Amino acid sequence: MPGPATVEPMTEAPAPRAPRLDDAVDAAIVREISLDARATLSHLSERVGLSVSAVQSRLRRLESRGIVKGYRPVLDAEALGRPLAAFVEITPLDPAQPDNAPELLAHLSAIEACHSIAGEAAYMLFVRVPTPRDLEALIRDIRAAAQVNTRTTVVLQTFFEARPVEPADFPA
């Protein structure tokens, strides 16, 4: 007589891994373009010790794998008429409401970033506006659009931001 059936525990498939750098040369290329996104292939070639065509091939591969997602200018918000920066924590009015604040707020262009956070608040927004009155209007718009409470901290001075991202696996 056969023994009792055994049930194997269900295991979830591992989450897909984020793309990784292949080696220290990839890390050096990433480090260089993180410092200067306008660096020429010739400059990168000199810095990492490969031919221009080899650097170009590696850079294309880094782009196609999603490690390099794009190239952006660093803009002066004050010169563009948005000198007032603030962090806005948002918390749902009703804890049972759908967790869709990012979608509800995506149309507000003054919100530069939306981060899901741990703690009492659900999200931390980073915003830039021209004036305190514009900040007040934006907070009102955020509250109405996402049905949230807000807590705002105004930035007085920024000492650094948008620092280059160092590859974790390959220190400089």
C-alpha atoms as a PDB file:
ATOM      1  CA  MET A   1       0.000   0.000   0.000  1.00  0.00           C
ATOM      2  CA  PRO A   2       1.478   3.357  -0.999  1.00  0.00           C
ATOM      3  CA  GLY A   3       2.248   5.901   1.701  1.00  0.00           C
ATOM      4  CA  PRO A   4       0.443   9.169   2.142  1.00  0.00           C
ATOM      5  CA  ALA A   5       0.876  11.670  -0.651  1.00  0.00           C
ATOM      6  CA  THR A   6       3.300  14.430   0.032  1.00  0.00           C
ATOM      7  CA  VAL A   7       2.751  17.940  -1.116  1.00  0.00           C
ATOM      8  CA  GLU A   8       5.760  19.873  -2.231  1.00  0.00           C
ATOM      9  CA  PRO A   9       5.807  23.436  -0.916  1.00  0.00           C
ATOM     10  CA  MET A  10       5.068  25.987  -3.590  1.00  0.00           C
ATOM     11  CA  THR A  11       7.917  28.296  -4.296  1.00  0.00           C
ATOM     12  CA  GLU A  12       7.582  31.507  -6.161  1.00  0.00           C
ATOM     13  CA  ALA A  13       9.773  32.065  -9.147  1.00  0.00           C
ATOM     14  CA  PRO A  14      12.560  34.450  -8.282  1.00  0.00           C
ATOM     15  CA  ALA A  15      11.954  38.049  -9.259  1.00  0.00           C
ATOM     16  CA  PRO A  16      13.738  39.007 -12.459  1.00  0.00           C
ATOM     17  CA  ARG A  17      17.121  40.496 -11.712  1.00  0.00           C
ATOM     18  CA  ALA A  18      17.884  43.997 -12.735  1.00  0.00           C
ATOM     19  CA  PRO A  19      20.446  44.259 -15.530  1.00  0.00           C
ATOM     20  CA  ARG A  20      23.975  44.143 -14.173  1.00  0.00           C
ATOM     21  CA  LEU A  21      27.299  45.425 -15.382  1.00  0.00           C
ATOM     22  CA  ASP A  22      29.506  42.794 -16.976  1.00  0.00           C
ATOM     23  CA  ASP A  23      32.858  44.006 -15.718  1.00  0.00           C
ATOM     24  CA  ALA A  24      34.990  46.860 -14.420  1.00  0.00           C
ATOM     25  CA  VAL A  25      35.211  48.397 -17.920  1.00  0.00           C
ATOM     26  CA  ASP A  26      31.415  48.725 -18.081  1.00  0.00           C
ATOM     27  CA  ALA A  27      31.538  50.259 -14.611  1.00  0.00           C
ATOM     28  CA  ALA A  28      34.189  52.742 -15.745  1.00  0.00           C
ATOM     29  CA  ILE A  29      32.091  53.748 -18.763  1.00  0.00           C
ATOM     30  CA  VAL A  30      29.011  54.220 -16.567  1.00  0.00           C
ATOM     31  CA  ARG A  31      31.055  56.217 -14.064  1.00  0.00           C
ATOM     32  CA  GLU A  32      32.412  58.502 -16.802  1.00  0.00           C
ATOM     33  CA  ILE A  33      29.044  59.234 -18.431  1.00  0.00           C
ATOM     34  CA  SER A  34      27.524  59.728 -14.982  1.00  0.00           C
ATOM     35  CA  LEU A  35      30.056  62.508 -14.443  1.00  0.00           C
ATOM     36  CA  ASP A  36      29.652  63.941 -17.956  1.00  0.00           C
ATOM     37  CA  ALA A  37      26.805  62.678 -20.136  1.00  0.00           C
ATOM     38  CA  ARG A  38      28.234  64.702 -23.033  1.00  0.00           C
ATOM     39  CA  ALA A  39      31.606  62.954 -22.960  1.00  0.00           C
ATOM     40  CA  THR A  40      32.706  62.001 -26.464  1.00  0.00           C
ATOM     41  CA  LEU A  41      33.427  58.425 -27.434  1.00  0.00           C
ATOM     42  CA  SER A  42      37.038  59.489 -27.897  1.00  0.00           C
ATOM     43  CA  HIS A  43      37.196  60.824 -24.323  1.00  0.00           C
ATOM     44  CA  LEU A  44      35.555  57.670 -22.959  1.00  0.00           C
ATOM     45  CA  SER A  45      38.012  55.584 -24.993  1.00  0.00           C
ATOM     46  CA  GLU A  46      40.966  57.372 -23.392  1.00  0.00           C
ATOM     47  CA  ARG A  47      39.509  57.049 -19.890  1.00  0.00           C
ATOM     48  CA  VAL A  48      38.708  53.318 -20.061  1.00  0.00           C
ATOM     49  CA  GLY A  49      41.558  52.140 -22.300  1.00  0.00           C
ATOM     50  CA  LEU A  50      39.528  50.712 -25.182  1.00  0.00           C
ATOM     51  CA  SER A  51      39.162  51.670 -28.828  1.00  0.00           C
ATOM     52  CA  VAL A  52      36.430  54.115 -29.781  1.00  0.00           C
ATOM     53  CA  SER A  53      34.489  51.360 -31.565  1.00  0.00           C
ATOM     54  CA  ALA A  54      34.723  49.042 -28.534  1.00  0.00           C
ATOM     55  CA  VAL A  55      33.448  51.823 -26.255  1.00  0.00           C
ATOM     56  CA  GLN A  56      30.631  52.581 -28.695  1.00  0.00           C
ATOM     57  CA  SER A  57      29.642  48.905 -28.784  1.00  0.00           C
ATOM     58  CA  ARG A  58      29.679  48.622 -24.984  1.00  0.00           C
ATOM     59  CA  LEU A  59      27.699  51.858 -24.590  1.00  0.00           C
ATOM     60  CA  ARG A  60      25.045  50.622 -27.043  1.00  0.00           C
ATOM     61  CA  ARG A  61      24.814  47.354 -25.106  1.00  0.00           C
ATOM     62  CA  LEU A  62      24.450  49.250 -21.804  1.00  0.00           C
ATOM     63  CA  GLU A  63      21.640  51.275 -23.399  1.00  0.00           C
ATOM     64  CA  SER A  64      19.860  48.259 -24.888  1.00  0.00           C
ATOM     65  CA  ARG A  65      20.005  46.418 -21.535  1.00  0.00           C
ATOM     66  CA  GLY A  66      18.400  49.410 -19.795  1.00  0.00           C
ATOM     67  CA  ILE A  67      21.388  50.257 -17.611  1.00  0.00           C
ATOM     68  CA  VAL A  68      21.799  53.598 -19.382  1.00  0.00           C
ATOM     69  CA  LYS A  69      18.242  54.869 -19.695  1.00  0.00           C
ATOM     70  CA  GLY A  70      18.963  58.235 -21.275  1.00  0.00           C
ATOM     71  CA  TYR A  71      20.954  61.437 -21.200  1.00  0.00           C
ATOM     72  CA  ARG A  72      19.613  64.608 -19.608  1.00  0.00           C
ATOM     73  CA  PRO A  73      20.813  68.152 -19.204  1.00  0.00           C
ATOM     74  CA  VAL A  74      21.296  69.593 -15.734  1.00  0.00           C
ATOM     75  CA  LEU A  75      19.067  72.676 -15.712  1.00  0.00           C
ATOM     76  CA  ASP A  76      19.049  75.708 -13.442  1.00  0.00           C
ATOM     77  CA  ALA A  77      15.536  75.738 -11.965  1.00  0.00           C
ATOM     78  CA  GLU A  78      15.904  79.306 -10.763  1.00  0.00           C
ATOM     79  CA  ALA A  79      16.861  80.529 -14.255  1.00  0.00           C
ATOM     80  CA  LEU A  80      13.804  78.670 -15.577  1.00  0.00           C
ATOM     81  CA  GLY A  81      11.476  80.506 -13.183  1.00  0.00           C
ATOM     82  CA  ARG A  82      11.014  77.754 -10.579  1.00  0.00           C
ATOM     83  CA  PRO A  83      13.243  78.761  -7.670  1.00  0.00           C
ATOM     84  CA  LEU A  84      11.049  77.368  -4.876  1.00  0.00           C
ATOM     85  CA  ALA A  85      11.587  73.666  -4.145  1.00  0.00           C
ATOM     86  CA  ALA A  86       9.747  71.597  -1.559  1.00  0.00           C
ATOM     87  CA  PHE A  87       9.166  68.058  -0.379  1.00  0.00           C
ATOM     88  CA  VAL A  88       5.514  67.118   0.040  1.00  0.00           C
ATOM     89  CA  GLU A  89       4.573  63.989   1.978  1.00  0.00           C
ATOM     90  CA  ILE A  90       1.162  62.626   1.077  1.00  0.00           C
ATOM     91  CA  THR A  91      -1.048  60.274   3.092  1.00  0.00           C
ATOM     92  CA  PRO A  92      -4.430  58.956   1.899  1.00  0.00           C
ATOM     93  CA  LEU A  93      -7.464  60.443   3.637  1.00  0.00           C
ATOM     94  CA  ASP A  94      -8.970  56.964   3.721  1.00  0.00           C
ATOM     95  CA  PRO A  95      -6.516  54.080   4.240  1.00  0.00           C
ATOM     96  CA  ALA A  96      -8.873  51.833   2.254  1.00  0.00           C
ATOM     97  CA  GLN A  97      -8.754  53.995  -0.876  1.00  0.00           C
ATOM     98  CA  PRO A  98      -6.878  52.607  -3.897  1.00  0.00           C
ATOM     99  CA  ASP A  99      -3.118  53.152  -3.905  1.00  0.00           C
ATOM    100  CA  ASN A 100      -3.096  55.097  -7.161  1.00  0.00           C
ATOM    101  CA  ALA A 101      -1.777  58.519  -6.133  1.00  0.00           C
ATOM    102  CA  PRO A 102       1.097  58.480  -8.664  1.00  0.00           C
ATOM    103  CA  GLU A 103      -1.350  58.030 -11.538  1.00  0.00           C
ATOM    104  CA  LEU A 104      -3.676  60.702 -10.151  1.00  0.00           C
ATOM    105  CA  LEU A 105      -0.828  63.215  -9.808  1.00  0.00           C
ATOM    106  CA  ALA A 106       1.134  62.508 -13.000  1.00  0.00           C
ATOM    107  CA  HIS A 107      -0.529  65.422 -14.820  1.00  0.00           C
ATOM    108  CA  LEU A 108       0.902  67.995 -12.367  1.00  0.00           C
ATOM    109  CA  SER A 109       4.123  69.089 -14.073  1.00  0.00           C
ATOM    110  CA  ALA A 110       5.442  70.919 -10.995  1.00  0.00           C
ATOM    111  CA  ILE A 111       5.971  67.497  -9.379  1.00  0.00           C
ATOM    112  CA  GLU A 112       9.483  66.454 -10.410  1.00  0.00           C
ATOM    113  CA  ALA A 113       9.594  63.173  -8.505  1.00  0.00           C
ATOM    114  CA  CYS A 114       7.226  60.834  -6.670  1.00  0.00           C
ATOM    115  CA  HIS A 115       8.740  58.236  -4.317  1.00  0.00           C
ATOM    116  CA  SER A 116       6.925  55.469  -2.458  1.00  0.00           C
ATOM    117  CA  ILE A 117       8.266  55.616   1.107  1.00  0.00           C
ATOM    118  CA  ALA A 118       8.211  53.719   4.385  1.00  0.00           C
ATOM    119  CA  GLY A 119       6.734  55.457   7.405  1.00  0.00           C
ATOM    120  CA  GLU A 120       3.488  57.261   8.128  1.00  0.00           C
ATOM    121  CA  ALA A 121       3.241  58.886   4.703  1.00  0.00           C
ATOM    122  CA  ALA A 122       2.692  56.840   1.559  1.00  0.00           C
ATOM    123  CA  TYR A 123       4.638  58.990  -0.910  1.00  0.00           C
ATOM    124  CA  MET A 124       7.203  61.774  -0.929  1.00  0.00           C
ATOM    125  CA  LEU A 125       6.930  64.272  -3.757  1.00  0.00           C
ATOM    126  CA  PHE A 126       9.638  66.679  -4.842  1.00  0.00           C
ATOM    127  CA  VAL A 127       8.161  69.826  -6.382  1.00  0.00           C
ATOM    128  CA  ARG A 128       9.409  73.080  -7.919  1.00  0.00           C
ATOM    129  CA  VAL A 129       7.279  76.201  -8.340  1.00  0.00           C
ATOM    130  CA  PRO A 130       7.789  79.923  -8.974  1.00  0.00           C
ATOM    131  CA  THR A 131       6.345  81.367  -5.739  1.00  0.00           C
ATOM    132  CA  PRO A 132       4.916  80.477  -2.331  1.00  0.00           C
ATOM    133  CA  ARG A 133       1.460  81.240  -3.699  1.00  0.00           C
ATOM    134  CA  ASP A 134       2.072  78.724  -6.507  1.00  0.00           C
ATOM    135  CA  LEU A 135       3.150  76.163  -3.882  1.00  0.00           C
ATOM    136  CA  GLU A 136      -0.088  76.754  -2.008  1.00  0.00           C
ATOM    137  CA  ALA A 137      -2.098  76.220  -5.216  1.00  0.00           C
ATOM    138  CA  LEU A 138      -0.122  73.073  -6.053  1.00  0.00           C
ATOM    139  CA  ILE A 139      -0.760  71.612  -2.598  1.00  0.00           C
ATOM    140  CA  ARG A 140      -4.460  72.331  -3.035  1.00  0.00           C
ATOM    141  CA  ASP A 141      -4.364  70.579  -6.441  1.00  0.00           C
ATOM    142  CA  ILE A 142      -2.522  67.571  -4.970  1.00  0.00           C
ATOM    143  CA  ARG A 143      -5.071  67.228  -2.165  1.00  0.00           C
ATOM    144  CA  ALA A 144      -8.011  67.451  -4.544  1.00  0.00           C
ATOM    145  CA  ALA A 145      -6.600  65.147  -7.229  1.00  0.00           C
ATOM    146  CA  ALA A 146      -5.493  62.307  -4.942  1.00  0.00           C
ATOM    147  CA  GLN A 147      -7.706  62.757  -1.852  1.00  0.00           C
ATOM    148  CA  VAL A 148      -4.687  62.996   0.467  1.00  0.00           C
ATOM    149  CA  ASN A 149      -3.385  64.888   3.460  1.00  0.00           C
ATOM    150  CA  THR A 150      -0.102  66.680   2.905  1.00  0.00           C
ATOM    151  CA  ARG A 151       2.892  67.746   4.947  1.00  0.00           C
ATOM    152  CA  THR A 152       5.247  70.172   3.212  1.00  0.00           C
ATOM    153  CA  THR A 153       8.873  71.023   3.858  1.00  0.00           C
ATOM    154  CA  VAL A 154      10.293  73.966   1.902  1.00  0.00           C
ATOM    155  CA  VAL A 155      13.907  73.696   0.724  1.00  0.00           C
ATOM    156  CA  LEU A 156      15.977  76.690   1.849  1.00  0.00           C
ATOM    157  CA  GLN A 157      19.226  75.733   0.130  1.00  0.00           C
ATOM    158  CA  THR A 158      20.470  72.720  -1.835  1.00  0.00           C
ATOM    159  CA  PHE A 159      24.086  71.761  -1.336  1.00  0.00           C
ATOM    160  CA  PHE A 160      24.096  68.900  -3.832  1.00  0.00           C
ATOM    161  CA  GLU A 161      21.658  66.856  -5.900  1.00  0.00           C
ATOM    162  CA  ALA A 162      21.681  64.579  -8.937  1.00  0.00           C
ATOM    163  CA  ARG A 163      25.048  63.174  -7.887  1.00  0.00           C
ATOM    164  CA  PRO A 164      26.642  60.590 -10.159  1.00  0.00           C
ATOM    165  CA  VAL A 165      25.552  57.043  -9.347  1.00  0.00           C
ATOM    166  CA  GLU A 166      28.540  54.839  -8.542  1.00  0.00           C
ATOM    167  CA  PRO A 167      28.232  51.216  -9.664  1.00  0.00           C
ATOM    168  CA  ALA A 168      28.003  49.128  -6.478  1.00  0.00           C
ATOM    169  CA  ASP A 169      29.756  46.042  -7.790  1.00  0.00           C
ATOM    170  CA  PHE A 170      32.852  47.756  -9.155  1.00  0.00           C
ATOM    171  CA  PRO A 171      34.242  50.522  -6.901  1.00  0.00           C
ATOM    172  CA  ALA A 172      36.454  53.098  -8.565  1.00  0.00           C
END
